[in-house]
Amino acid sequence: MKSYLLVLLALSPLLQAEDIGSRVQYVGGTVPGVRNKTAARIDLLQDDALKLNTGGSSFVIPYSDVNTLEYGLRVSRRYVEAVLISPLFLVAKKRTHFLTIGYTDKDGRQQAMVLQVGKDEIRPLLVSLEARTGRRVEYQDEEARKAGKG
């Protein structure tokens, strides 16, 4: 039993290696080879660059090339749920969190990507990006500022 646990503990970093970073959805932008609405992970663990991993490919952006960080929300009422499930859903608001990262590519051209981020992952992601890029996050409006600051 003990040897089984030791093997499991030894392998756990390898088993979790694919689960590094924050889950996001690439909504759109100019990242070559990545289709809109693609599930991805954004990895900020490297000291010099962020990495966007999609199912079959990955894309690296040096932090020094990032020139814009923008955060915004889309808030909508839950009409479909209210009609199908309960009128109480009309009171609830659905908040969708979007992060836009602007950067210059290796040819000096401006590029951008828009990522949809989960509500539990947006705040740590914003803080990490500010620290690593040296850029301040721009908030689209006051509601986004409140949501992004916790």
C-alpha atoms as a PDB file:
ATOM      1  CA  MET A   1       0.000   0.000   0.000  1.00  0.00           C
ATOM      2  CA  LYS A   2       2.802   2.423   0.900  1.00  0.00           C
ATOM      3  CA  SER A   3       4.654   1.756  -2.354  1.00  0.00           C
ATOM      4  CA  TYR A   4       1.445   2.426  -4.298  1.00  0.00           C
ATOM      5  CA  LEU A   5       1.089   5.816  -2.569  1.00  0.00           C
ATOM      6  CA  LEU A   6       4.735   6.685  -3.234  1.00  0.00           C
ATOM      7  CA  VAL A   7       4.334   5.910  -6.934  1.00  0.00           C
ATOM      8  CA  LEU A   8       1.151   7.967  -7.046  1.00  0.00           C
ATOM      9  CA  LEU A   9       2.859  10.899  -5.324  1.00  0.00           C
ATOM     10  CA  ALA A  10       5.823  10.656  -7.687  1.00  0.00           C
ATOM     11  CA  LEU A  11       3.557  10.667 -10.750  1.00  0.00           C
ATOM     12  CA  SER A  12       1.157  13.372  -9.559  1.00  0.00           C
ATOM     13  CA  PRO A  13       3.124  16.281 -11.111  1.00  0.00           C
ATOM     14  CA  LEU A  14       3.068  14.458 -14.437  1.00  0.00           C
ATOM     15  CA  LEU A  15      -0.637  13.759 -14.161  1.00  0.00           C
ATOM     16  CA  GLN A  16      -1.352  17.402 -13.387  1.00  0.00           C
ATOM     17  CA  ALA A  17       1.037  18.851 -15.982  1.00  0.00           C
ATOM     18  CA  GLU A  18      -1.731  19.232 -18.536  1.00  0.00           C
ATOM     19  CA  ASP A  19      -3.882  21.055 -15.990  1.00  0.00           C
ATOM     20  CA  ILE A  20      -1.540  24.050 -15.580  1.00  0.00           C
ATOM     21  CA  GLY A  21      -2.965  27.533 -16.016  1.00  0.00           C
ATOM     22  CA  SER A  22      -6.400  29.077 -16.114  1.00  0.00           C
ATOM     23  CA  ARG A  23      -9.149  27.676 -18.275  1.00  0.00           C
ATOM     24  CA  VAL A  24     -10.310  30.236 -20.819  1.00  0.00           C
ATOM     25  CA  GLN A  25     -12.124  30.384 -24.103  1.00  0.00           C
ATOM     26  CA  TYR A  26     -10.426  32.143 -27.003  1.00  0.00           C
ATOM     27  CA  VAL A  27     -13.307  34.298 -28.213  1.00  0.00           C
ATOM     28  CA  GLY A  28     -11.453  35.998 -31.025  1.00  0.00           C
ATOM     29  CA  GLY A  29      -8.433  37.960 -32.066  1.00  0.00           C
ATOM     30  CA  THR A  30      -5.415  37.653 -34.273  1.00  0.00           C
ATOM     31  CA  VAL A  31      -3.573  34.641 -32.837  1.00  0.00           C
ATOM     32  CA  PRO A  32      -2.487  32.614 -35.867  1.00  0.00           C
ATOM     33  CA  GLY A  33      -4.055  29.183 -36.202  1.00  0.00           C
ATOM     34  CA  VAL A  34      -6.532  29.545 -33.320  1.00  0.00           C
ATOM     35  CA  ARG A  35     -10.217  29.474 -34.212  1.00  0.00           C
ATOM     36  CA  ASN A  36     -12.779  31.609 -32.409  1.00  0.00           C
ATOM     37  CA  LYS A  37     -14.580  29.960 -29.490  1.00  0.00           C
ATOM     38  CA  THR A  38     -11.741  27.525 -28.849  1.00  0.00           C
ATOM     39  CA  ALA A  39     -11.267  26.124 -25.346  1.00  0.00           C
ATOM     40  CA  ALA A  40      -7.776  26.927 -24.094  1.00  0.00           C
ATOM     41  CA  ARG A  41      -5.549  27.397 -21.056  1.00  0.00           C
ATOM     42  CA  ILE A  42      -3.481  30.451 -20.327  1.00  0.00           C
ATOM     43  CA  ASP A  43      -0.286  29.659 -18.442  1.00  0.00           C
ATOM     44  CA  LEU A  44       1.534  32.463 -16.603  1.00  0.00           C
ATOM     45  CA  LEU A  45       4.089  30.282 -14.816  1.00  0.00           C
ATOM     46  CA  GLN A  46       7.029  31.159 -17.054  1.00  0.00           C
ATOM     47  CA  ASP A  47       9.090  34.154 -15.926  1.00  0.00           C
ATOM     48  CA  ASP A  48       9.379  35.732 -19.352  1.00  0.00           C
ATOM     49  CA  ALA A  49       6.238  34.829 -21.326  1.00  0.00           C
ATOM     50  CA  LEU A  50       2.626  33.749 -21.168  1.00  0.00           C
ATOM     51  CA  LYS A  51       1.529  30.662 -23.016  1.00  0.00           C
ATOM     52  CA  LEU A  52      -1.852  30.002 -24.614  1.00  0.00           C
ATOM     53  CA  ASN A  53      -2.480  26.270 -24.974  1.00  0.00           C
ATOM     54  CA  THR A  54      -5.275  25.026 -27.189  1.00  0.00           C
ATOM     55  CA  GLY A  55      -6.055  21.407 -27.874  1.00  0.00           C
ATOM     56  CA  GLY A  56      -3.311  20.815 -30.423  1.00  0.00           C
ATOM     57  CA  SER A  57      -1.129  23.891 -30.364  1.00  0.00           C
ATOM     58  CA  SER A  58       0.415  26.488 -28.111  1.00  0.00           C
ATOM     59  CA  PHE A  59       1.338  30.112 -28.615  1.00  0.00           C
ATOM     60  CA  VAL A  60       3.864  32.112 -26.554  1.00  0.00           C
ATOM     61  CA  ILE A  61       3.807  35.878 -25.973  1.00  0.00           C
ATOM     62  CA  PRO A  62       6.728  37.491 -24.136  1.00  0.00           C
ATOM     63  CA  TYR A  63       5.474  39.656 -21.257  1.00  0.00           C
ATOM     64  CA  SER A  64       7.625  42.497 -22.591  1.00  0.00           C
ATOM     65  CA  ASP A  65       5.554  42.501 -25.818  1.00  0.00           C
ATOM     66  CA  VAL A  66       2.210  42.926 -23.999  1.00  0.00           C
ATOM     67  CA  ASN A  67       1.069  46.549 -24.299  1.00  0.00           C
ATOM     68  CA  THR A  68      -2.620  46.406 -23.368  1.00  0.00           C
ATOM     69  CA  LEU A  69      -4.650  44.591 -20.719  1.00  0.00           C
ATOM     70  CA  GLU A  70      -8.367  45.304 -20.700  1.00  0.00           C
ATOM     71  CA  TYR A  71     -11.091  43.717 -18.599  1.00  0.00           C
ATOM     72  CA  GLY A  72     -14.815  43.946 -19.169  1.00  0.00           C
ATOM     73  CA  LEU A  73     -18.089  42.300 -18.299  1.00  0.00           C
ATOM     74  CA  ARG A  74     -21.177  41.479 -20.224  1.00  0.00           C
ATOM     75  CA  VAL A  75     -24.090  41.370 -17.827  1.00  0.00           C
ATOM     76  CA  SER A  76     -27.352  39.901 -19.026  1.00  0.00           C
ATOM     77  CA  ARG A  77     -30.580  38.762 -17.454  1.00  0.00           C
ATOM     78  CA  ARG A  78     -31.308  35.074 -17.581  1.00  0.00           C
ATOM     79  CA  TYR A  79     -34.483  35.163 -19.672  1.00  0.00           C
ATOM     80  CA  VAL A  80     -34.262  31.641 -21.079  1.00  0.00           C
ATOM     81  CA  GLU A  81     -33.778  30.103 -17.646  1.00  0.00           C
ATOM     82  CA  ALA A  82     -36.641  32.222 -16.278  1.00  0.00           C
ATOM     83  CA  VAL A  83     -39.036  30.998 -18.938  1.00  0.00           C
ATOM     84  CA  LEU A  84     -37.974  27.354 -18.721  1.00  0.00           C
ATOM     85  CA  ILE A  85     -37.242  26.940 -15.009  1.00  0.00           C
ATOM     86  CA  SER A  86     -38.348  29.738 -12.699  1.00  0.00           C
ATOM     87  CA  PRO A  87     -39.230  33.450 -12.781  1.00  0.00           C
ATOM     88  CA  LEU A  88     -36.620  33.927 -10.030  1.00  0.00           C
ATOM     89  CA  PHE A  89     -33.950  33.733 -12.720  1.00  0.00           C
ATOM     90  CA  LEU A  90     -35.090  37.172 -13.937  1.00  0.00           C
ATOM     91  CA  VAL A  91     -33.593  38.618 -10.764  1.00  0.00           C
ATOM     92  CA  ALA A  92     -30.275  36.839 -11.299  1.00  0.00           C
ATOM     93  CA  LYS A  93     -27.703  38.341 -13.603  1.00  0.00           C
ATOM     94  CA  LYS A  94     -25.289  36.325 -15.666  1.00  0.00           C
ATOM     95  CA  ARG A  95     -21.851  37.928 -15.792  1.00  0.00           C
ATOM     96  CA  THR A  96     -19.435  36.964 -18.521  1.00  0.00           C
ATOM     97  CA  HIS A  97     -15.814  38.024 -17.922  1.00  0.00           C
ATOM     98  CA  PHE A  98     -13.632  39.086 -20.853  1.00  0.00           C
ATOM     99  CA  LEU A  99      -9.902  39.789 -20.903  1.00  0.00           C
ATOM    100  CA  THR A 100      -8.297  41.452 -23.907  1.00  0.00           C
ATOM    101  CA  ILE A 101      -4.538  41.172 -24.271  1.00  0.00           C
ATOM    102  CA  GLY A 102      -2.868  43.430 -26.830  1.00  0.00           C
ATOM    103  CA  TYR A 103       0.706  42.755 -27.886  1.00  0.00           C
ATOM    104  CA  THR A 104       3.219  43.311 -30.663  1.00  0.00           C
ATOM    105  CA  ASP A 105       4.345  40.273 -32.624  1.00  0.00           C
ATOM    106  CA  LYS A 106       7.900  39.480 -33.688  1.00  0.00           C
ATOM    107  CA  ASP A 107       7.388  41.596 -36.840  1.00  0.00           C
ATOM    108  CA  GLY A 108       6.353  44.629 -34.772  1.00  0.00           C
ATOM    109  CA  ARG A 109       2.654  44.457 -35.750  1.00  0.00           C
ATOM    110  CA  GLN A 110      -0.097  45.033 -33.204  1.00  0.00           C
ATOM    111  CA  GLN A 111      -2.043  41.865 -32.341  1.00  0.00           C
ATOM    112  CA  ALA A 112      -4.799  41.058 -29.853  1.00  0.00           C
ATOM    113  CA  MET A 113      -6.716  38.217 -28.291  1.00  0.00           C
ATOM    114  CA  VAL A 114     -10.002  38.252 -26.413  1.00  0.00           C
ATOM    115  CA  LEU A 115     -10.452  35.568 -23.782  1.00  0.00           C
ATOM    116  CA  GLN A 116     -13.563  34.622 -21.848  1.00  0.00           C
ATOM    117  CA  VAL A 117     -12.496  33.761 -18.309  1.00  0.00           C
ATOM    118  CA  GLY A 118     -14.396  32.061 -15.493  1.00  0.00           C
ATOM    119  CA  LYS A 119     -15.516  34.159 -12.537  1.00  0.00           C
ATOM    120  CA  ASP A 120     -13.255  32.300 -10.102  1.00  0.00           C
ATOM    121  CA  GLU A 121     -10.185  32.682 -12.299  1.00  0.00           C
ATOM    122  CA  ILE A 122     -10.401  36.298 -13.477  1.00  0.00           C
ATOM    123  CA  ARG A 123      -9.049  38.054 -10.392  1.00  0.00           C
ATOM    124  CA  PRO A 124      -5.876  35.933  -9.966  1.00  0.00           C
ATOM    125  CA  LEU A 125      -5.287  36.195 -13.706  1.00  0.00           C
ATOM    126  CA  LEU A 126      -5.558  40.007 -13.693  1.00  0.00           C
ATOM    127  CA  VAL A 127      -3.228  40.326 -10.698  1.00  0.00           C
ATOM    128  CA  SER A 128      -0.644  37.980 -12.230  1.00  0.00           C
ATOM    129  CA  LEU A 129      -0.714  39.724 -15.603  1.00  0.00           C
ATOM    130  CA  GLU A 130      -0.267  43.145 -14.009  1.00  0.00           C
ATOM    131  CA  ALA A 131       2.697  41.893 -11.970  1.00  0.00           C
ATOM    132  CA  ARG A 132       4.425  40.099 -14.830  1.00  0.00           C
ATOM    133  CA  THR A 133       3.844  42.624 -17.623  1.00  0.00           C
ATOM    134  CA  GLY A 134       4.207  45.815 -15.597  1.00  0.00           C
ATOM    135  CA  ARG A 135       1.007  47.060 -17.292  1.00  0.00           C
ATOM    136  CA  ARG A 136      -2.096  48.267 -15.473  1.00  0.00           C
ATOM    137  CA  VAL A 137      -5.400  46.637 -16.346  1.00  0.00           C
ATOM    138  CA  GLU A 138      -7.805  49.027 -18.036  1.00  0.00           C
ATOM    139  CA  TYR A 139     -11.417  48.502 -16.983  1.00  0.00           C
ATOM    140  CA  GLN A 140     -14.196  49.037 -19.512  1.00  0.00           C
ATOM    141  CA  ASP A 141     -16.523  50.566 -16.914  1.00  0.00           C
ATOM    142  CA  GLU A 142     -17.120  50.940 -13.176  1.00  0.00           C
ATOM    143  CA  GLU A 143     -18.927  47.592 -12.881  1.00  0.00           C
ATOM    144  CA  ALA A 144     -15.922  45.821 -14.424  1.00  0.00           C
ATOM    145  CA  ARG A 145     -13.608  47.677 -12.029  1.00  0.00           C
ATOM    146  CA  LYS A 146     -15.615  46.452  -9.016  1.00  0.00           C
ATOM    147  CA  ALA A 147     -15.724  42.874 -10.306  1.00  0.00           C
ATOM    148  CA  GLY A 148     -12.014  42.834 -11.197  1.00  0.00           C
ATOM    149  CA  LYS A 149     -10.857  44.229  -7.879  1.00  0.00           C
ATOM    150  CA  GLY A 150     -12.715  41.587  -5.907  1.00  0.00           C
END
